[in-house]
Amino acid sequence: QTGPHAALSQKLLNEVAAARVCLLN
């Protein structure tokens, strides 16, 4: 998140969070 690709890191974090929510419901 603090590196040169911080924005991509955040987008991937959002995708992982969405996967978590979906697969745990």
mmCIF file of all heavy atoms, coordinates in Angstrom:
data_MODEL
# 
_entry.id   MODEL 
# 
loop_
_atom_site.group_PDB 
_atom_site.id 
_atom_site.type_symbol 
_atom_site.label_atom_id 
_atom_site.label_alt_id 
_atom_site.label_comp_id 
_atom_site.label_asym_id 
_atom_site.label_entity_id 
_atom_site.label_seq_id 
_atom_site.pdbx_PDB_ins_code 
_atom_site.Cartn_x 
_atom_site.Cartn_y 
_atom_site.Cartn_z 
_atom_site.occupancy 
_atom_site.B_iso_or_equiv 
_atom_site.pdbx_formal_charge 
_atom_site.auth_seq_id 
_atom_site.auth_comp_id 
_atom_site.auth_asym_id 
_atom_site.auth_atom_id 
_atom_site.pdbx_PDB_model_num 
ATOM 1   N N   . GLN A 1 1  ? 0.796   -1.229  0.000   1.00 0.00 ? 1  GLN A N   1 
ATOM 2   C CA  . GLN A 1 1  ? 0.000   0.000   0.000   1.00 0.00 ? 1  GLN A CA  1 
ATOM 3   C C   . GLN A 1 1  ? 0.827   1.277   0.000   1.00 0.00 ? 1  GLN A C   1 
ATOM 4   O O   . GLN A 1 1  ? 0.314   2.325   -0.354  1.00 0.00 ? 1  GLN A O   1 
ATOM 5   C CB  . GLN A 1 1  ? -0.962  0.018   1.190   1.00 0.00 ? 1  GLN A CB  1 
ATOM 6   C CG  . GLN A 1 1  ? -2.158  -0.875  0.977   1.00 0.00 ? 1  GLN A CG  1 
ATOM 7   C CD  . GLN A 1 1  ? -3.192  -0.706  2.056   1.00 0.00 ? 1  GLN A CD  1 
ATOM 8   O OE1 . GLN A 1 1  ? -2.882  -0.800  3.234   1.00 0.00 ? 1  GLN A OE1 1 
ATOM 9   N NE2 . GLN A 1 1  ? -4.421  -0.458  1.646   1.00 0.00 ? 1  GLN A NE2 1 
ATOM 10  N N   . THR A 1 2  ? 2.070   1.216   0.386   1.00 0.00 ? 2  THR A N   1 
ATOM 11  C CA  . THR A 1 2  ? 2.891   2.427   0.400   1.00 0.00 ? 2  THR A CA  1 
ATOM 12  C C   . THR A 1 2  ? 3.874   2.461   -0.754  1.00 0.00 ? 2  THR A C   1 
ATOM 13  O O   . THR A 1 2  ? 4.655   3.388   -0.864  1.00 0.00 ? 2  THR A O   1 
ATOM 14  C CB  . THR A 1 2  ? 3.673   2.533   1.728   1.00 0.00 ? 2  THR A CB  1 
ATOM 15  O OG1 . THR A 1 2  ? 4.492   1.367   1.871   1.00 0.00 ? 2  THR A OG1 1 
ATOM 16  C CG2 . THR A 1 2  ? 2.727   2.675   2.900   1.00 0.00 ? 2  THR A CG2 1 
ATOM 17  N N   . GLY A 1 3  ? 3.842   1.479   -1.626  1.00 0.00 ? 3  GLY A N   1 
ATOM 18  C CA  . GLY A 1 3  ? 4.768   1.403   -2.740  1.00 0.00 ? 3  GLY A CA  1 
ATOM 19  C C   . GLY A 1 3  ? 4.262   2.132   -3.972  1.00 0.00 ? 3  GLY A C   1 
ATOM 20  O O   . GLY A 1 3  ? 3.247   2.834   -3.944  1.00 0.00 ? 3  GLY A O   1 
ATOM 21  N N   . PRO A 1 4  ? 4.973   1.941   -5.078  1.00 0.00 ? 4  PRO A N   1 
ATOM 22  C CA  . PRO A 1 4  ? 4.621   2.648   -6.315  1.00 0.00 ? 4  PRO A CA  1 
ATOM 23  C C   . PRO A 1 4  ? 3.287   2.197   -6.926  1.00 0.00 ? 4  PRO A C   1 
ATOM 24  O O   . PRO A 1 4  ? 2.725   2.901   -7.748  1.00 0.00 ? 4  PRO A O   1 
ATOM 25  C CB  . PRO A 1 4  ? 5.786   2.320   -7.262  1.00 0.00 ? 4  PRO A CB  1 
ATOM 26  C CG  . PRO A 1 4  ? 6.384   1.075   -6.723  1.00 0.00 ? 4  PRO A CG  1 
ATOM 27  C CD  . PRO A 1 4  ? 6.166   1.109   -5.236  1.00 0.00 ? 4  PRO A CD  1 
ATOM 28  N N   . HIS A 1 5  ? 2.804   1.045   -6.510  1.00 0.00 ? 5  HIS A N   1 
ATOM 29  C CA  . HIS A 1 5  ? 1.535   0.537   -7.050  1.00 0.00 ? 5  HIS A CA  1 
ATOM 30  C C   . HIS A 1 5  ? 0.463   0.499   -5.955  1.00 0.00 ? 5  HIS A C   1 
ATOM 31  O O   . HIS A 1 5  ? -0.341  -0.434  -5.894  1.00 0.00 ? 5  HIS A O   1 
ATOM 32  C CB  . HIS A 1 5  ? 1.727   -0.858  -7.640  1.00 0.00 ? 5  HIS A CB  1 
ATOM 33  C CG  . HIS A 1 5  ? 2.729   -0.903  -8.751  1.00 0.00 ? 5  HIS A CG  1 
ATOM 34  N ND1 . HIS A 1 5  ? 2.503   -0.335  -9.982  1.00 0.00 ? 5  HIS A ND1 1 
ATOM 35  C CD2 . HIS A 1 5  ? 3.987   -1.412  -8.796  1.00 0.00 ? 5  HIS A CD2 1 
ATOM 36  C CE1 . HIS A 1 5  ? 3.559   -0.515  -10.743 1.00 0.00 ? 5  HIS A CE1 1 
ATOM 37  N NE2 . HIS A 1 5  ? 4.477   -1.162  -10.043 1.00 0.00 ? 5  HIS A NE2 1 
ATOM 38  N N   . ALA A 1 6  ? 0.437   1.519   -5.128  1.00 0.00 ? 6  ALA A N   1 
ATOM 39  C CA  . ALA A 1 6  ? -0.501  1.571   -4.004  1.00 0.00 ? 6  ALA A CA  1 
ATOM 40  C C   . ALA A 1 6  ? -1.956  1.504   -4.467  1.00 0.00 ? 6  ALA A C   1 
ATOM 41  O O   . ALA A 1 6  ? -2.778  0.842   -3.837  1.00 0.00 ? 6  ALA A O   1 
ATOM 42  C CB  . ALA A 1 6  ? -0.255  2.836   -3.183  1.00 0.00 ? 6  ALA A CB  1 
ATOM 43  N N   . ALA A 1 7  ? -2.275  2.163   -5.555  1.00 0.00 ? 7  ALA A N   1 
ATOM 44  C CA  . ALA A 1 7  ? -3.655  2.164   -6.040  1.00 0.00 ? 7  ALA A CA  1 
ATOM 45  C C   . ALA A 1 7  ? -4.078  0.756   -6.474  1.00 0.00 ? 7  ALA A C   1 
ATOM 46  O O   . ALA A 1 7  ? -5.204  0.323   -6.190  1.00 0.00 ? 7  ALA A O   1 
ATOM 47  C CB  . ALA A 1 7  ? -3.813  3.145   -7.200  1.00 0.00 ? 7  ALA A CB  1 
ATOM 48  N N   . LEU A 1 8  ? -3.180  0.024   -7.149  1.00 0.00 ? 8  LEU A N   1 
ATOM 49  C CA  . LEU A 1 8  ? -3.500  -1.346  -7.542  1.00 0.00 ? 8  LEU A CA  1 
ATOM 50  C C   . LEU A 1 8  ? -3.636  -2.240  -6.320  1.00 0.00 ? 8  LEU A C   1 
ATOM 51  O O   . LEU A 1 8  ? -4.486  -3.135  -6.279  1.00 0.00 ? 8  LEU A O   1 
ATOM 52  C CB  . LEU A 1 8  ? -2.426  -1.902  -8.480  1.00 0.00 ? 8  LEU A CB  1 
ATOM 53  C CG  . LEU A 1 8  ? -2.428  -1.340  -9.892  1.00 0.00 ? 8  LEU A CG  1 
ATOM 54  C CD1 . LEU A 1 8  ? -1.240  -1.875  -10.680 1.00 0.00 ? 8  LEU A CD1 1 
ATOM 55  C CD2 . LEU A 1 8  ? -3.724  -1.681  -10.596 1.00 0.00 ? 8  LEU A CD2 1 
ATOM 56  N N   . SER A 1 9  ? -2.818  -1.989  -5.311  1.00 0.00 ? 9  SER A N   1 
ATOM 57  C CA  . SER A 1 9  ? -2.909  -2.748  -4.064  1.00 0.00 ? 9  SER A CA  1 
ATOM 58  C C   . SER A 1 9  ? -4.281  -2.557  -3.439  1.00 0.00 ? 9  SER A C   1 
ATOM 59  O O   . SER A 1 9  ? -4.914  -3.517  -3.000  1.00 0.00 ? 9  SER A O   1 
ATOM 60  C CB  . SER A 1 9  ? -1.817  -2.319  -3.093  1.00 0.00 ? 9  SER A CB  1 
ATOM 61  O OG  . SER A 1 9  ? -2.001  -2.903  -1.834  1.00 0.00 ? 9  SER A OG  1 
ATOM 62  N N   . GLN A 1 10 ? -4.761  -1.332  -3.412  1.00 0.00 ? 10 GLN A N   1 
ATOM 63  C CA  . GLN A 1 10 ? -6.068  -1.050  -2.828  1.00 0.00 ? 10 GLN A CA  1 
ATOM 64  C C   . GLN A 1 10 ? -7.183  -1.708  -3.621  1.00 0.00 ? 10 GLN A C   1 
ATOM 65  O O   . GLN A 1 10 ? -8.118  -2.259  -3.046  1.00 0.00 ? 10 GLN A O   1 
ATOM 66  C CB  . GLN A 1 10 ? -6.311  0.458   -2.732  1.00 0.00 ? 10 GLN A CB  1 
ATOM 67  C CG  . GLN A 1 10 ? -7.595  0.817   -2.018  1.00 0.00 ? 10 GLN A CG  1 
ATOM 68  C CD  . GLN A 1 10 ? -7.642  0.271   -0.600  1.00 0.00 ? 10 GLN A CD  1 
ATOM 69  O OE1 . GLN A 1 10 ? -6.715  0.468   0.188   1.00 0.00 ? 10 GLN A OE1 1 
ATOM 70  N NE2 . GLN A 1 10 ? -8.709  -0.426  -0.260  1.00 0.00 ? 10 GLN A NE2 1 
ATOM 71  N N   . LYS A 1 11 ? -7.086  -1.693  -4.939  1.00 0.00 ? 11 LYS A N   1 
ATOM 72  C CA  . LYS A 1 11 ? -8.112  -2.326  -5.766  1.00 0.00 ? 11 LYS A CA  1 
ATOM 73  C C   . LYS A 1 11 ? -8.137  -3.835  -5.542  1.00 0.00 ? 11 LYS A C   1 
ATOM 74  O O   . LYS A 1 11 ? -9.205  -4.439  -5.460  1.00 0.00 ? 11 LYS A O   1 
ATOM 75  C CB  . LYS A 1 11 ? -7.902  -1.990  -7.234  1.00 0.00 ? 11 LYS A CB  1 
ATOM 76  C CG  . LYS A 1 11 ? -8.250  -0.543  -7.523  1.00 0.00 ? 11 LYS A CG  1 
ATOM 77  C CD  . LYS A 1 11 ? -8.043  -0.184  -8.947  1.00 0.00 ? 11 LYS A CD  1 
ATOM 78  C CE  . LYS A 1 11 ? -8.429  1.284   -9.078  1.00 0.00 ? 11 LYS A CE  1 
ATOM 79  N NZ  . LYS A 1 11 ? -7.953  1.938   -10.221 1.00 0.00 ? 11 LYS A NZ  1 
ATOM 80  N N   . LEU A 1 12 ? -6.958  -4.447  -5.426  1.00 0.00 ? 12 LEU A N   1 
ATOM 81  C CA  . LEU A 1 12 ? -6.909  -5.876  -5.144  1.00 0.00 ? 12 LEU A CA  1 
ATOM 82  C C   . LEU A 1 12 ? -7.446  -6.172  -3.752  1.00 0.00 ? 12 LEU A C   1 
ATOM 83  O O   . LEU A 1 12 ? -8.129  -7.179  -3.550  1.00 0.00 ? 12 LEU A O   1 
ATOM 84  C CB  . LEU A 1 12 ? -5.474  -6.394  -5.270  1.00 0.00 ? 12 LEU A CB  1 
ATOM 85  C CG  . LEU A 1 12 ? -5.106  -6.996  -6.613  1.00 0.00 ? 12 LEU A CG  1 
ATOM 86  C CD1 . LEU A 1 12 ? -3.639  -7.385  -6.644  1.00 0.00 ? 12 LEU A CD1 1 
ATOM 87  C CD2 . LEU A 1 12 ? -5.954  -8.181  -6.931  1.00 0.00 ? 12 LEU A CD2 1 
ATOM 88  N N   . LEU A 1 13 ? -7.142  -5.320  -2.787  1.00 0.00 ? 13 LEU A N   1 
ATOM 89  C CA  . LEU A 1 13 ? -7.701  -5.488  -1.440  1.00 0.00 ? 13 LEU A CA  1 
ATOM 90  C C   . LEU A 1 13 ? -9.224  -5.449  -1.486  1.00 0.00 ? 13 LEU A C   1 
ATOM 91  O O   . LEU A 1 13 ? -9.888  -6.241  -0.806  1.00 0.00 ? 13 LEU A O   1 
ATOM 92  C CB  . LEU A 1 13 ? -7.180  -4.396  -0.496  1.00 0.00 ? 13 LEU A CB  1 
ATOM 93  C CG  . LEU A 1 13 ? -5.833  -4.659  0.139   1.00 0.00 ? 13 LEU A CG  1 
ATOM 94  C CD1 . LEU A 1 13 ? -5.257  -3.379  0.742   1.00 0.00 ? 13 LEU A CD1 1 
ATOM 95  C CD2 . LEU A 1 13 ? -5.945  -5.726  1.208   1.00 0.00 ? 13 LEU A CD2 1 
ATOM 96  N N   . ASN A 1 14 ? -9.768  -4.559  -2.283  1.00 0.00 ? 14 ASN A N   1 
ATOM 97  C CA  . ASN A 1 14 ? -11.228 -4.479  -2.424  1.00 0.00 ? 14 ASN A CA  1 
ATOM 98  C C   . ASN A 1 14 ? -11.788 -5.751  -3.045  1.00 0.00 ? 14 ASN A C   1 
ATOM 99  O O   . ASN A 1 14 ? -12.845 -6.229  -2.640  1.00 0.00 ? 14 ASN A O   1 
ATOM 100 C CB  . ASN A 1 14 ? -11.622 -3.264  -3.262  1.00 0.00 ? 14 ASN A CB  1 
ATOM 101 C CG  . ASN A 1 14 ? -11.345 -1.953  -2.561  1.00 0.00 ? 14 ASN A CG  1 
ATOM 102 O OD1 . ASN A 1 14 ? -11.127 -1.903  -1.351  1.00 0.00 ? 14 ASN A OD1 1 
ATOM 103 N ND2 . ASN A 1 14 ? -11.300 -0.870  -3.322  1.00 0.00 ? 14 ASN A ND2 1 
ATOM 104 N N   . GLU A 1 15 ? -11.085 -6.311  -4.029  1.00 0.00 ? 15 GLU A N   1 
ATOM 105 C CA  . GLU A 1 15 ? -11.541 -7.554  -4.655  1.00 0.00 ? 15 GLU A CA  1 
ATOM 106 C C   . GLU A 1 15 ? -11.490 -8.712  -3.667  1.00 0.00 ? 15 GLU A C   1 
ATOM 107 O O   . GLU A 1 15 ? -12.404 -9.538  -3.614  1.00 0.00 ? 15 GLU A O   1 
ATOM 108 C CB  . GLU A 1 15 ? -10.701 -7.876  -5.890  1.00 0.00 ? 15 GLU A CB  1 
ATOM 109 C CG  . GLU A 1 15 ? -10.997 -6.973  -7.060  1.00 0.00 ? 15 GLU A CG  1 
ATOM 110 C CD  . GLU A 1 15 ? -10.265 -7.395  -8.319  1.00 0.00 ? 15 GLU A CD  1 
ATOM 111 O OE1 . GLU A 1 15 ? -10.094 -8.605  -8.548  1.00 0.00 ? 15 GLU A OE1 1 
ATOM 112 O OE2 . GLU A 1 15 ? -9.860  -6.498  -9.082  1.00 0.00 ? 15 GLU A OE2 1 
ATOM 113 N N   . VAL A 1 16 ? -10.423 -8.773  -2.871  1.00 0.00 ? 16 VAL A N   1 
ATOM 114 C CA  . VAL A 1 16 ? -10.300 -9.834  -1.864  1.00 0.00 ? 16 VAL A CA  1 
ATOM 115 C C   . VAL A 1 16 ? -11.397 -9.680  -0.812  1.00 0.00 ? 16 VAL A C   1 
ATOM 116 O O   . VAL A 1 16 ? -12.009 -10.665 -0.388  1.00 0.00 ? 16 VAL A O   1 
ATOM 117 C CB  . VAL A 1 16 ? -8.897  -9.836  -1.227  1.00 0.00 ? 16 VAL A CB  1 
ATOM 118 C CG1 . VAL A 1 16 ? -8.837  -10.742 -0.017  1.00 0.00 ? 16 VAL A CG1 1 
ATOM 119 C CG2 . VAL A 1 16 ? -7.855  -10.259 -2.254  1.00 0.00 ? 16 VAL A CG2 1 
ATOM 120 N N   . ALA A 1 17 ? -11.670 -8.450  -0.412  1.00 0.00 ? 17 ALA A N   1 
ATOM 121 C CA  . ALA A 1 17 ? -12.741 -8.207  0.568   1.00 0.00 ? 17 ALA A CA  1 
ATOM 122 C C   . ALA A 1 17 ? -14.099 -8.629  0.005   1.00 0.00 ? 17 ALA A C   1 
ATOM 123 O O   . ALA A 1 17 ? -14.914 -9.235  0.711   1.00 0.00 ? 17 ALA A O   1 
ATOM 124 C CB  . ALA A 1 17 ? -12.760 -6.737  0.974   1.00 0.00 ? 17 ALA A CB  1 
ATOM 125 N N   . ALA A 1 18 ? -14.340 -8.348  -1.268  1.00 0.00 ? 18 ALA A N   1 
ATOM 126 C CA  . ALA A 1 18 ? -15.599 -8.759  -1.902  1.00 0.00 ? 18 ALA A CA  1 
ATOM 127 C C   . ALA A 1 18 ? -15.694 -10.283 -1.973  1.00 0.00 ? 18 ALA A C   1 
ATOM 128 O O   . ALA A 1 18 ? -16.761 -10.859 -1.726  1.00 0.00 ? 18 ALA A O   1 
ATOM 129 C CB  . ALA A 1 18 ? -15.712 -8.151  -3.296  1.00 0.00 ? 18 ALA A CB  1 
ATOM 130 N N   . ALA A 1 19 ? -14.579 -10.935 -2.277  1.00 0.00 ? 19 ALA A N   1 
ATOM 131 C CA  . ALA A 1 19 ? -14.557 -12.404 -2.318  1.00 0.00 ? 19 ALA A CA  1 
ATOM 132 C C   . ALA A 1 19 ? -14.851 -12.973 -0.942  1.00 0.00 ? 19 ALA A C   1 
ATOM 133 O O   . ALA A 1 19 ? -15.617 -13.932 -0.800  1.00 0.00 ? 19 ALA A O   1 
ATOM 134 C CB  . ALA A 1 19 ? -13.196 -12.889 -2.816  1.00 0.00 ? 19 ALA A CB  1 
ATOM 135 N N   . ARG A 1 20 ? -14.269 -12.384 0.074   1.00 0.00 ? 20 ARG A N   1 
ATOM 136 C CA  . ARG A 1 20 ? -14.483 -12.833 1.458   1.00 0.00 ? 20 ARG A CA  1 
ATOM 137 C C   . ARG A 1 20 ? -15.950 -12.730 1.841   1.00 0.00 ? 20 ARG A C   1 
ATOM 138 O O   . ARG A 1 20 ? -16.538 -13.675 2.368   1.00 0.00 ? 20 ARG A O   1 
ATOM 139 C CB  . ARG A 1 20 ? -13.618 -11.983 2.381   1.00 0.00 ? 20 ARG A CB  1 
ATOM 140 C CG  . ARG A 1 20 ? -13.800 -12.259 3.825   1.00 0.00 ? 20 ARG A CG  1 
ATOM 141 C CD  . ARG A 1 20 ? -13.042 -11.212 4.625   1.00 0.00 ? 20 ARG A CD  1 
ATOM 142 N NE  . ARG A 1 20 ? -12.865 -11.652 5.967   1.00 0.00 ? 20 ARG A NE  1 
ATOM 143 C CZ  . ARG A 1 20 ? -11.989 -11.137 6.794   1.00 0.00 ? 20 ARG A CZ  1 
ATOM 144 N NH1 . ARG A 1 20 ? -11.198 -10.173 6.399   1.00 0.00 ? 20 ARG A NH1 1 
ATOM 145 N NH2 . ARG A 1 20 ? -11.909 -11.574 8.010   1.00 0.00 ? 20 ARG A NH2 1 
ATOM 146 N N   . VAL A 1 21 ? -16.547 -11.583 1.572   1.00 0.00 ? 21 VAL A N   1 
ATOM 147 C CA  . VAL A 1 21 ? -17.954 -11.360 1.919   1.00 0.00 ? 21 VAL A CA  1 
ATOM 148 C C   . VAL A 1 21 ? -18.838 -12.358 1.189   1.00 0.00 ? 21 VAL A C   1 
ATOM 149 O O   . VAL A 1 21 ? -19.728 -12.968 1.787   1.00 0.00 ? 21 VAL A O   1 
ATOM 150 C CB  . VAL A 1 21 ? -18.374 -9.907  1.580   1.00 0.00 ? 21 VAL A CB  1 
ATOM 151 C CG1 . VAL A 1 21 ? -19.881 -9.737  1.638   1.00 0.00 ? 21 VAL A CG1 1 
ATOM 152 C CG2 . VAL A 1 21 ? -17.701 -8.932  2.538   1.00 0.00 ? 21 VAL A CG2 1 
ATOM 153 N N   . CYS A 1 22 ? -18.581 -12.548 -0.087  1.00 0.00 ? 22 CYS A N   1 
ATOM 154 C CA  . CYS A 1 22 ? -19.406 -13.458 -0.891  1.00 0.00 ? 22 CYS A CA  1 
ATOM 155 C C   . CYS A 1 22 ? -19.284 -14.900 -0.413  1.00 0.00 ? 22 CYS A C   1 
ATOM 156 O O   . CYS A 1 22 ? -20.282 -15.580 -0.223  1.00 0.00 ? 22 CYS A O   1 
ATOM 157 C CB  . CYS A 1 22 ? -19.000 -13.359 -2.358  1.00 0.00 ? 22 CYS A CB  1 
ATOM 158 S SG  . CYS A 1 22 ? -19.905 -14.492 -3.432  1.00 0.00 ? 22 CYS A SG  1 
ATOM 159 N N   . LEU A 1 23 ? -18.050 -15.370 -0.194  1.00 0.00 ? 23 LEU A N   1 
ATOM 160 C CA  . LEU A 1 23 ? -17.847 -16.784 0.132   1.00 0.00 ? 23 LEU A CA  1 
ATOM 161 C C   . LEU A 1 23 ? -18.191 -17.122 1.576   1.00 0.00 ? 23 LEU A C   1 
ATOM 162 O O   . LEU A 1 23 ? -18.393 -18.291 1.902   1.00 0.00 ? 23 LEU A O   1 
ATOM 163 C CB  . LEU A 1 23 ? -16.405 -17.189 -0.177  1.00 0.00 ? 23 LEU A CB  1 
ATOM 164 C CG  . LEU A 1 23 ? -16.010 -17.102 -1.653  1.00 0.00 ? 23 LEU A CG  1 
ATOM 165 C CD1 . LEU A 1 23 ? -14.567 -17.541 -1.849  1.00 0.00 ? 23 LEU A CD1 1 
ATOM 166 C CD2 . LEU A 1 23 ? -16.946 -17.904 -2.530  1.00 0.00 ? 23 LEU A CD2 1 
ATOM 167 N N   . LEU A 1 24 ? -18.291 -16.123 2.449   1.00 0.00 ? 24 LEU A N   1 
ATOM 168 C CA  . LEU A 1 24 ? -18.658 -16.395 3.841   1.00 0.00 ? 24 LEU A CA  1 
ATOM 169 C C   . LEU A 1 24 ? -20.149 -16.241 4.107   1.00 0.00 ? 24 LEU A C   1 
ATOM 170 O O   . LEU A 1 24 ? -20.625 -16.581 5.179   1.00 0.00 ? 24 LEU A O   1 
ATOM 171 C CB  . LEU A 1 24 ? -17.852 -15.504 4.790   1.00 0.00 ? 24 LEU A CB  1 
ATOM 172 C CG  . LEU A 1 24 ? -16.371 -15.867 4.906   1.00 0.00 ? 24 LEU A CG  1 
ATOM 173 C CD1 . LEU A 1 24 ? -15.644 -14.868 5.775   1.00 0.00 ? 24 LEU A CD1 1 
ATOM 174 C CD2 . LEU A 1 24 ? -16.188 -17.282 5.438   1.00 0.00 ? 24 LEU A CD2 1 
ATOM 175 N N   . ASN A 1 25 ? -20.900 -15.763 3.120   1.00 0.00 ? 25 ASN A N   1 
ATOM 176 C CA  . ASN A 1 25 ? -22.348 -15.640 3.234   1.00 0.00 ? 25 ASN A CA  1 
ATOM 177 C C   . ASN A 1 25 ? -22.957 -16.821 2.479   1.00 0.00 ? 25 ASN A C   1 
ATOM 178 O O   . ASN A 1 25 ? -22.755 -16.960 1.272   1.00 0.00 ? 25 ASN A O   1 
ATOM 179 C CB  . ASN A 1 25 ? -22.807 -14.308 2.630   1.00 0.00 ? 25 ASN A CB  1 
ATOM 180 C CG  . ASN A 1 25 ? -24.294 -14.137 2.676   1.00 0.00 ? 25 ASN A CG  1 
ATOM 181 O OD1 . ASN A 1 25 ? -25.041 -14.919 2.099   1.00 0.00 ? 25 ASN A OD1 1 
ATOM 182 N ND2 . ASN A 1 25 ? -24.735 -13.090 3.345   1.00 0.00 ? 25 ASN A ND2 1 
# 
